[in-house]
Structures are given as structure tokens and as C-alpha cells.
Amino acid sequence: MEINLGKLPFDLDFHPSSPLVSAGLINGDLLLYRYATDSQPQRLLEIHAHSESCRAVRFIDGGRAILTGSPDCSILATDVETGSTIARLEDAHGAAVNRLVNLTATTIASGDDEGCIKVWDTRQRSCCNSFNAHEEYISDMTFASDSMKLLGTSGDGTLSVCSLRRNKVQTRSEFSEDELLSVVLMKNGRKVICGTQSGSLLLYSWGHFKDCSDRFIKLCPNSVDALLKLDEDRVITGSENGLISLVGILPNQVIQPVAEHSEYPVERLAFSSDRKLLGSISHDQMLKLWDLDELLEGGANKMESEAFVADSDSDSDEMDVDIKTPQKSSKGTRRKNANKGHASNNASSSFFVDL
């Protein structure tokens, strides 16, 4: 199933309970579609949400609202049913908002182009945590709910661990040789997997974040722009060459490419609420919905790739071999320089007052 968005998309998200999918576009538009297996997707909303690009999209409040973030430094909440504006925070960050992620039913996190991460509590209707975690743009975040820790990756080549209980950056990894673009938690929280600009997957052991314990290079030299956890042992990757691959973690192996979105980079991946569909967006301006069972059935029947076993102990905090990979042009720098919003020192803490 394909949806021609008409413009370059930056992010997508599925409704938590209904067959709805949203996308944020480079021209600042927010699109909402209803999809069904037996008919063409129907566009429900088209809203010019921001004066600059719409980089981040997330359903919140049980799917009753859509949150969007932009280089214009604003965060907007839009009513799903009517398309009307619920609330807009003009100065949510002092720099371009690059990422939004859901943490709990009542909290979300936002990350900007200058390395700042904020946590917003919808019950208290305020910004409850703020972390100056990085020196470069926030590329991705994930949440460890059992320990209340928020993990972030950045274009500065580091992984951060922020404690929501202590309201502090607990630790930060040593600098990697290239940008970290994506992150997921796996192995029941024991491993943190990061996708990089060079195409390596860096594996960090929980509690030992200074250096990666394993480095998986079979996806090189194409950057791993998107990671989506399938289960505790497998992750779906979206790469610069347009391939969507199924990758096993410990043992590390490319099980196989499961789909090819296009010849352009895969920008984001997401599951539908029932996990029957995999959504992908790319620079070809298309949102594609894949039947996940068909993709995985193909992967199960073709275990052709050999496992890559790292020489070092998978639970070690040290790397015996450091692989030098020539750096490509910075994706983050290109993104920052395009449509960067104006900084402001008057960040409000009452964004959710109307929610």
C-alpha cells in the first residue's frame, strides 16, 4: 500500500488504536490518513502546522491529539477529529525541534538541534525535565520505563543517559567516530543498539555506557537512519540505500533485506497499533505500508547471511578493535542548516494548559 505525500516527509506515526497514520512534511504540513487493507488510503486532514518544516510527529493523549515539532522552535497540538489547534507553544526550545517521542501515557520528550532534551508532563501541564545532554542535534531517543531513564543519540557521536528521577544527565558515552542516528533497547533492557552514519551498529551493555561492547559492520557503508525493535532478538533497520533489513542481535547477523522502499534513504520506520503493518517513509515522497507477516515470512525462509561474531566478549565494556570508517558528509549539519528556527530565551512551560 502506497501513499503519495507530494512532499518530502520527515516523520510518521500510527494512531495507538485506530487505523490512522500521520506524516510531517518539509513544507510544514501535517497529513492524516485512514487506511484499510481492501481500499485506498483516505486523507482525513491536511494542515499547515508550521511556518517551517514539520520534522517530528506523535499521537498523544490516547490518540486524541497529534503533536508536531518544527525548526521554527514551536510544538503544536492538533485535534485529530476536527483538525483544530488545541495549543501551540511558540518557544518550546531555543533551537529547532528535531525529535518527539512518547514516554508514558502522560509524558513526551522533545529534542532540538543544539542537544537539549525536554520532558513534558501533560498532567502538570508543564516542562518537568530539561537536559543539556549534547553539543549537536538530537537524532533519536528511547525510554527505559523500569529505571525512568531517557536515552538519547546525537550528531555529536555520543549516547546520553538522562535520569528523570534525579533530573540530571547521568552519563554520556565516549565520542564515536561518526554521528549516532538511531537507538533502541533490546535483550530485555540489557543492550542498547545505536545506528550510525557509517552503517555500523554499536552495541552498549546497560550500565557500561562509556564504550560499546560490540560493533556490527555488515550494513556498512550505508548509514542506519532508522531502527525499529521487532522483539528482544531482532531489529528492523532502515538504511541510506533504501533497504529495510531484518537484523539479529547476539548473535549478530543480517537475517536478510526484507523490503526496498526506494533508492533513497529510509527516513523513519513505525509499526501500526496491531503490528500488522510496517510503515516507512523516504525521500521519494512516498509513505509505504508493508504487510509485516509477509515480510517476516520471507525472512524466515531465507536465512542466507552468515552470523558476524565479535571477537570481544559481548558483555564487556571494552572494544579490542576500533574500526576506522571514513566519515561521510554530515546528515545532521545538512538538516540543521535547512530551515533552522530562531532561538528564543522565553521558553514557556504551559504548553499543555489547554489539553
Protein backbone atom coordinates (compact mmCIF):
# COMPACT_ATOMS: atom_id res chain seq x y z
CA MET A 1 0.00 0.00 0.00
CA GLU A 2 1.46 3.36 -1.04
CA ILE A 3 0.55 6.95 -0.25
CA ASN A 4 1.99 9.76 -2.36
CA LEU A 5 2.56 12.57 0.14
CA GLY A 6 3.56 15.09 -2.52
CA LYS A 7 6.45 16.48 -0.49
CA LEU A 8 9.49 15.13 1.35
CA PRO A 9 8.39 13.58 4.68
CA PHE A 10 10.43 13.82 7.89
CA ASP A 11 8.43 11.68 10.31
CA LEU A 12 5.42 9.37 10.63
CA ASP A 13 3.37 7.90 13.45
CA PHE A 14 0.45 5.47 13.77
CA HIS A 15 -2.60 6.07 15.94
CA PRO A 16 -2.45 3.88 19.09
CA SER A 17 -5.82 2.18 18.46
CA SER A 18 -7.38 3.24 15.11
CA PRO A 19 -6.23 2.62 11.50
CA LEU A 20 -4.80 6.13 11.16
CA VAL A 21 -1.32 7.25 10.16
CA SER A 22 0.13 10.76 10.21
CA ALA A 23 3.13 12.31 8.46
CA GLY A 24 5.03 15.59 8.79
CA LEU A 25 6.34 17.22 5.61
CA ILE A 26 9.20 19.51 4.67
CA ASN A 27 6.79 22.38 3.83
CA GLY A 28 5.35 22.37 7.37
CA ASP A 29 2.20 20.40 6.54
CA LEU A 30 0.70 17.70 8.74
CA LEU A 31 -1.21 14.93 6.94
CA LEU A 32 -3.55 12.34 8.43
CA TYR A 33 -4.80 9.25 6.58
CA ARG A 34 -7.19 6.41 7.30
CA TYR A 35 -6.07 3.11 5.80
CA ALA A 36 -7.71 -0.28 5.17
CA THR A 37 -6.44 -3.45 3.54
CA ASP A 38 -9.25 -3.56 0.97
CA SER A 39 -9.29 0.08 -0.17
CA GLN A 40 -7.10 3.06 -0.96
CA PRO A 41 -6.00 5.22 1.98
CA GLN A 42 -8.24 8.21 2.60
CA ARG A 43 -6.80 11.61 3.51
CA LEU A 44 -8.65 13.00 6.53
CA LEU A 45 -6.62 16.09 7.37
CA GLU A 46 -4.16 18.40 5.65
CA ILE A 47 -2.99 21.19 7.95
CA HIS A 48 -0.26 23.76 7.51
CA ALA A 49 1.04 23.21 11.02
CA HIS A 50 4.31 25.15 10.96
CA SER A 51 5.97 28.01 9.12
CA GLU A 52 8.99 25.78 8.55
CA SER A 53 9.31 22.01 8.08
CA CYS A 54 7.37 19.57 10.26
CA ARG A 55 10.19 17.37 11.50
CA ALA A 56 8.51 15.38 14.26
CA VAL A 57 5.04 13.82 14.64
CA ARG A 58 3.50 11.90 17.56
CA PHE A 59 -0.01 10.93 18.62
CA ILE A 60 -0.65 11.83 22.28
CA ASP A 61 -3.47 11.72 24.83
CA GLY A 62 -4.65 8.27 23.74
CA GLY A 63 -4.68 9.34 20.10
CA ARG A 64 -6.98 12.32 20.59
CA ALA A 65 -4.29 14.80 19.56
CA ILE A 66 -1.25 14.94 17.29
CA LEU A 67 1.90 16.68 18.49
CA THR A 68 4.30 18.18 15.95
CA GLY A 69 7.69 19.88 16.23
CA SER A 70 9.49 22.20 13.83
CA PRO A 71 12.66 24.21 13.15
CA ASP A 72 10.54 27.27 13.94
CA CYS A 73 11.08 26.16 17.59
CA SER A 74 7.37 25.56 18.16
CA ILE A 75 5.42 22.49 19.28
CA LEU A 76 1.79 22.25 18.17
CA ALA A 77 -1.05 20.07 19.45
CA THR A 78 -3.78 19.39 16.87
CA ASP A 79 -7.18 17.78 17.48
CA VAL A 80 -7.43 14.54 15.49
CA GLU A 81 -11.19 14.75 14.95
CA THR A 82 -11.52 18.38 13.88
CA GLY A 83 -8.01 19.41 12.83
CA SER A 84 -8.28 22.48 15.04
CA THR A 85 -5.39 23.80 17.12
CA ILE A 86 -5.55 22.76 20.76
CA ALA A 87 -2.42 24.61 21.86
CA ARG A 88 0.78 25.98 20.38
CA LEU A 89 3.99 26.64 22.27
CA GLU A 90 5.90 29.13 20.14
CA ASP A 91 9.20 28.87 22.04
CA ALA A 92 9.28 25.26 23.18
CA HIS A 93 13.02 25.14 22.58
CA GLY A 94 15.77 27.64 21.93
CA ALA A 95 16.64 25.79 18.71
CA ALA A 96 14.93 23.73 16.01
CA VAL A 97 12.84 20.87 17.38
CA ASN A 98 14.09 17.72 15.70
CA ARG A 99 12.54 14.76 17.58
CA LEU A 100 9.47 13.83 19.61
CA VAL A 101 8.96 10.51 21.44
CA ASN A 102 6.27 9.20 23.77
CA LEU A 103 7.48 8.15 27.21
CA THR A 104 4.33 7.27 29.17
CA ALA A 105 0.63 7.89 28.69
CA THR A 106 1.08 11.40 30.06
CA THR A 107 4.65 12.39 29.20
CA ILE A 108 6.55 13.06 26.00
CA ALA A 109 10.13 14.11 25.27
CA SER A 110 11.40 16.58 22.68
CA GLY A 111 14.93 17.08 21.38
CA ASP A 112 16.43 20.01 19.47
CA ASP A 113 19.31 20.88 17.17
CA GLU A 114 21.56 22.15 19.96
CA GLY A 115 21.46 18.96 22.04
CA CYS A 116 18.74 19.94 24.54
CA ILE A 117 16.15 17.36 25.64
CA LYS A 118 12.94 18.36 27.42
CA VAL A 119 10.28 16.21 29.07
CA TRP A 120 6.69 17.47 29.13
CA ASP A 121 4.12 16.26 31.68
CA THR A 122 0.56 16.59 30.42
CA ARG A 123 -0.93 16.22 33.92
CA GLN A 124 1.16 19.00 35.41
CA ARG A 125 0.83 20.93 32.15
CA SER A 126 4.47 21.93 32.22
CA CYS A 127 8.03 21.06 31.25
CA CYS A 128 9.19 18.87 34.10
CA ASN A 129 12.73 17.96 32.98
CA SER A 130 15.36 19.69 30.87
CA PHE A 131 18.72 18.21 29.95
CA ASN A 132 21.62 19.84 28.13
CA ALA A 133 22.70 16.40 27.03
CA HIS A 134 24.64 17.01 23.81
CA GLU A 135 26.55 19.52 21.70
CA GLU A 136 24.81 18.62 18.44
CA TYR A 137 21.32 17.77 17.21
CA ILE A 138 19.24 15.08 18.94
CA SER A 139 18.74 12.35 16.35
CA ASP A 140 16.71 9.83 18.36
CA MET A 141 15.53 8.90 21.86
CA THR A 142 14.20 5.85 23.68
CA PHE A 143 12.84 5.31 27.18
CA ALA A 144 13.69 2.69 29.81
CA SER A 145 10.48 2.78 31.85
CA ASP A 146 11.63 0.47 34.65
CA SER A 147 14.52 2.75 35.60
CA MET A 148 12.93 6.02 34.41
CA LYS A 149 15.91 6.79 32.20
CA LEU A 150 15.77 8.53 28.84
CA LEU A 151 18.46 7.61 26.31
CA GLY A 152 19.39 9.97 23.50
CA THR A 153 21.65 9.85 20.46
CA SER A 154 23.19 12.83 18.77
CA GLY A 155 25.10 14.11 15.79
CA ASP A 156 28.00 14.74 18.17
CA GLY A 157 28.66 10.98 18.18
CA THR A 158 27.60 10.25 21.77
CA LEU A 159 24.89 8.37 23.63
CA SER A 160 23.40 10.05 26.71
CA VAL A 161 21.50 8.59 29.66
CA CYS A 162 19.24 11.08 31.45
CA SER A 163 17.64 10.27 34.82
CA LEU A 164 14.10 11.60 35.07
CA ARG A 165 14.04 10.96 38.82
CA ARG A 166 17.21 12.96 39.51
CA ASN A 167 16.69 15.45 36.67
CA LYS A 168 20.31 15.12 35.54
CA VAL A 169 22.39 13.68 32.74
CA GLN A 170 23.58 10.52 34.46
CA THR A 171 26.26 9.54 31.97
CA ARG A 172 27.44 10.00 28.44
CA SER A 173 29.42 7.72 26.18
CA GLU A 174 32.80 8.49 24.73
CA PHE A 175 32.71 10.13 21.32
CA SER A 176 32.12 7.78 18.42
CA GLU A 177 33.85 8.41 15.12
CA ASP A 178 30.60 9.29 13.38
CA GLU A 179 27.10 10.51 14.10
CA LEU A 180 24.66 8.34 16.05
CA LEU A 181 21.34 8.43 14.20
CA SER A 182 19.01 5.93 15.88
CA VAL A 183 18.62 3.95 19.11
CA VAL A 184 16.61 1.02 20.55
CA LEU A 185 16.67 -1.05 23.74
CA MET A 186 16.91 -4.83 23.32
CA LYS A 187 17.65 -8.06 25.20
CA ASN A 188 15.17 -7.11 27.94
CA GLY A 189 16.94 -3.84 28.54
CA ARG A 190 20.44 -5.29 28.77
CA LYS A 191 21.61 -3.94 25.41
CA VAL A 192 21.35 -0.54 23.74
CA ILE A 193 21.69 -0.60 19.95
CA CYS A 194 22.70 2.55 18.04
CA GLY A 195 22.69 3.06 14.28
CA THR A 196 25.43 5.27 12.87
CA GLN A 197 26.33 7.41 9.88
CA SER A 198 28.94 4.88 8.74
CA GLY A 199 26.46 1.99 8.85
CA SER A 200 27.86 0.29 11.94
CA LEU A 201 25.56 -0.85 14.71
CA LEU A 202 27.07 -0.06 18.11
CA LEU A 203 26.01 -2.31 20.99
CA TYR A 204 26.26 -0.92 24.52
CA SER A 205 25.76 -3.01 27.67
CA TRP A 206 23.39 -1.49 30.20
CA GLY A 207 25.35 0.24 32.95
CA HIS A 208 28.51 0.34 30.82
CA PHE A 209 27.86 3.24 28.50
CA LYS A 210 31.32 4.74 28.12
CA ASP A 211 32.26 2.50 25.20
CA CYS A 212 30.38 0.00 23.05
CA SER A 213 30.81 -3.71 23.80
CA ASP A 214 30.27 -4.83 20.19
CA ARG A 215 30.37 -3.27 16.76
CA PHE A 216 28.42 -4.85 13.88
CA ILE A 217 29.56 -3.68 10.44
CA LYS A 218 27.62 -5.82 7.94
CA LEU A 219 25.34 -2.91 6.98
CA CYS A 220 28.26 -0.60 6.10
CA PRO A 221 28.80 1.71 4.30
CA ASN A 222 25.14 2.82 4.23
CA SER A 223 24.03 4.87 7.24
CA VAL A 224 21.41 3.30 9.52
CA ASP A 225 18.91 6.15 9.78
CA ALA A 226 16.08 4.21 11.47
CA LEU A 227 15.85 1.35 13.96
CA LEU A 228 12.62 -0.38 14.97
CA LYS A 229 12.61 -3.14 17.58
CA LEU A 230 10.72 -6.24 16.43
CA ASP A 231 11.39 -8.35 19.53
CA GLU A 232 14.21 -8.81 22.05
CA ASP A 233 16.44 -10.55 19.49
CA ARG A 234 15.60 -8.83 16.19
CA VAL A 235 15.56 -5.28 14.94
CA ILE A 236 14.37 -3.76 11.66
CA THR A 237 16.78 -1.27 10.10
CA GLY A 238 16.21 1.46 7.53
CA SER A 239 19.31 2.43 5.61
CA GLU A 240 20.65 5.14 3.33
CA ASN A 241 20.43 2.86 0.28
CA GLY A 242 16.66 2.45 0.70
CA LEU A 243 16.81 -1.10 2.06
CA ILE A 244 14.78 -2.28 5.04
CA SER A 245 16.54 -5.20 6.70
CA LEU A 246 15.87 -7.70 9.46
CA VAL A 247 18.90 -7.95 11.75
CA GLY A 248 19.55 -10.38 14.59
CA ILE A 249 21.29 -9.18 17.74
CA LEU A 250 23.61 -11.54 19.67
CA PRO A 251 24.22 -13.50 17.57
CA ASN A 252 24.72 -10.53 15.25
CA GLN A 253 23.58 -11.26 11.72
CA VAL A 254 21.77 -9.70 8.81
CA ILE A 255 18.93 -12.18 8.54
CA GLN A 256 18.06 -10.61 5.20
CA PRO A 257 16.80 -7.46 3.48
CA VAL A 258 13.01 -7.67 3.75
CA ALA A 259 11.97 -4.74 1.56
CA GLU A 260 13.31 -1.97 -0.63
CA HIS A 261 11.47 1.29 -0.14
CA SER A 262 13.29 3.09 -2.95
CA GLU A 263 16.81 4.05 -3.95
CA TYR A 264 16.66 6.93 -1.45
CA PRO A 265 17.36 6.89 2.30
CA VAL A 266 14.70 5.46 4.62
CA GLU A 267 13.90 8.37 6.94
CA ARG A 268 11.63 6.66 9.52
CA LEU A 269 10.01 3.31 10.35
CA ALA A 270 6.95 2.61 12.54
CA PHE A 271 4.50 -0.20 13.42
CA SER A 272 0.74 0.09 13.21
CA SER A 273 -1.08 -0.35 16.53
CA ASP A 274 -1.91 -4.00 15.78
CA ARG A 275 1.66 -4.57 14.48
CA LYS A 276 0.29 -5.97 11.23
CA LEU A 277 1.76 -3.17 9.12
CA LEU A 278 5.20 -1.62 8.90
CA GLY A 279 5.27 1.99 7.75
CA SER A 280 8.26 3.57 6.02
CA ILE A 281 8.98 6.99 4.56
CA SER A 282 11.78 8.09 2.29
CA HIS A 283 12.98 10.92 0.10
CA ASP A 284 10.83 9.60 -2.76
CA GLN A 285 7.87 11.39 -1.07
CA MET A 286 6.06 8.09 -0.53
CA LEU A 287 4.64 6.58 2.64
CA LYS A 288 4.57 2.81 2.20
CA LEU A 289 2.64 0.33 4.33
CA TRP A 290 4.06 -3.19 4.28
CA ASP A 291 2.35 -6.40 5.42
CA LEU A 292 4.61 -7.39 8.29
CA ASP A 293 3.69 -11.09 8.23
CA GLU A 294 4.68 -11.32 4.56
CA LEU A 295 7.98 -9.56 5.22
CA LEU A 296 8.87 -11.81 8.15
CA GLU A 297 7.76 -14.97 6.36
CA GLY A 298 10.17 -14.13 3.58
CA GLY A 299 12.89 -13.52 6.13
CA ALA A 300 12.26 -16.80 7.93
CA ASN A 301 12.56 -18.77 4.70
CA LYS A 302 15.87 -17.24 3.67
CA MET A 303 18.43 -17.32 6.47
CA GLU A 304 21.25 -16.80 3.97
CA SER A 305 23.58 -14.38 5.73
CA GLU A 306 26.33 -15.69 7.98
CA ALA A 307 26.39 -14.52 11.58
CA PHE A 308 29.01 -11.94 12.44
CA VAL A 309 30.52 -12.82 15.81
CA ALA A 310 32.56 -10.11 17.50
CA ASP A 311 35.98 -11.09 18.84
CA SER A 312 35.32 -9.29 22.12
CA ASP A 313 33.05 -10.53 24.92
CA SER A 314 29.52 -9.34 24.16
CA ASP A 315 29.05 -8.21 27.76
CA SER A 316 32.39 -6.46 28.01
CA ASP A 317 32.64 -2.70 28.26
CA GLU A 318 35.80 -2.63 26.14
CA MET A 319 36.43 -2.87 22.41
CA ASP A 320 39.58 -4.67 21.29
CA VAL A 321 39.39 -3.37 17.74
CA ASP A 322 38.32 0.09 16.72
CA ILE A 323 37.21 0.11 13.10
CA LYS A 324 38.14 3.30 11.28
CA THR A 325 35.45 4.29 8.83
CA PRO A 326 35.81 7.32 6.57
CA GLN A 327 33.26 9.91 7.51
CA LYS A 328 30.60 10.92 5.04
CA SER A 329 29.05 14.33 4.82
CA SER A 330 27.13 15.19 7.94
CA LYS A 331 23.42 14.45 7.71
CA GLY A 332 22.83 16.43 10.86
CA THR A 333 24.59 19.53 9.62
CA ARG A 334 22.57 19.49 6.42
CA ARG A 335 19.36 19.15 8.38
CA LYS A 336 20.29 21.91 10.80
CA ASN A 337 21.18 24.40 8.13
CA ALA A 338 17.90 23.90 6.29
CA ASN A 339 15.01 25.81 7.86
CA LYS A 340 16.57 26.36 11.25
CA GLY A 341 14.30 28.35 13.55
CA HIS A 342 15.21 31.44 15.54
CA ALA A 343 16.38 30.91 19.09
CA SER A 344 14.40 32.32 21.99
CA ASN A 345 15.05 32.67 25.70
CA ASN A 346 11.35 32.87 26.59
CA ALA A 347 10.51 29.15 26.60
CA SER A 348 7.10 28.62 28.08
CA SER A 349 6.23 25.82 30.49
CA SER A 350 2.47 25.90 29.99
CA PHE A 351 2.08 24.11 26.66
CA PHE A 352 -0.49 21.62 27.90
CA VAL A 353 -2.64 24.15 29.71
CA ASP A 354 -5.41 23.70 27.14
CA LEU A 355 -5.18 19.95 26.80
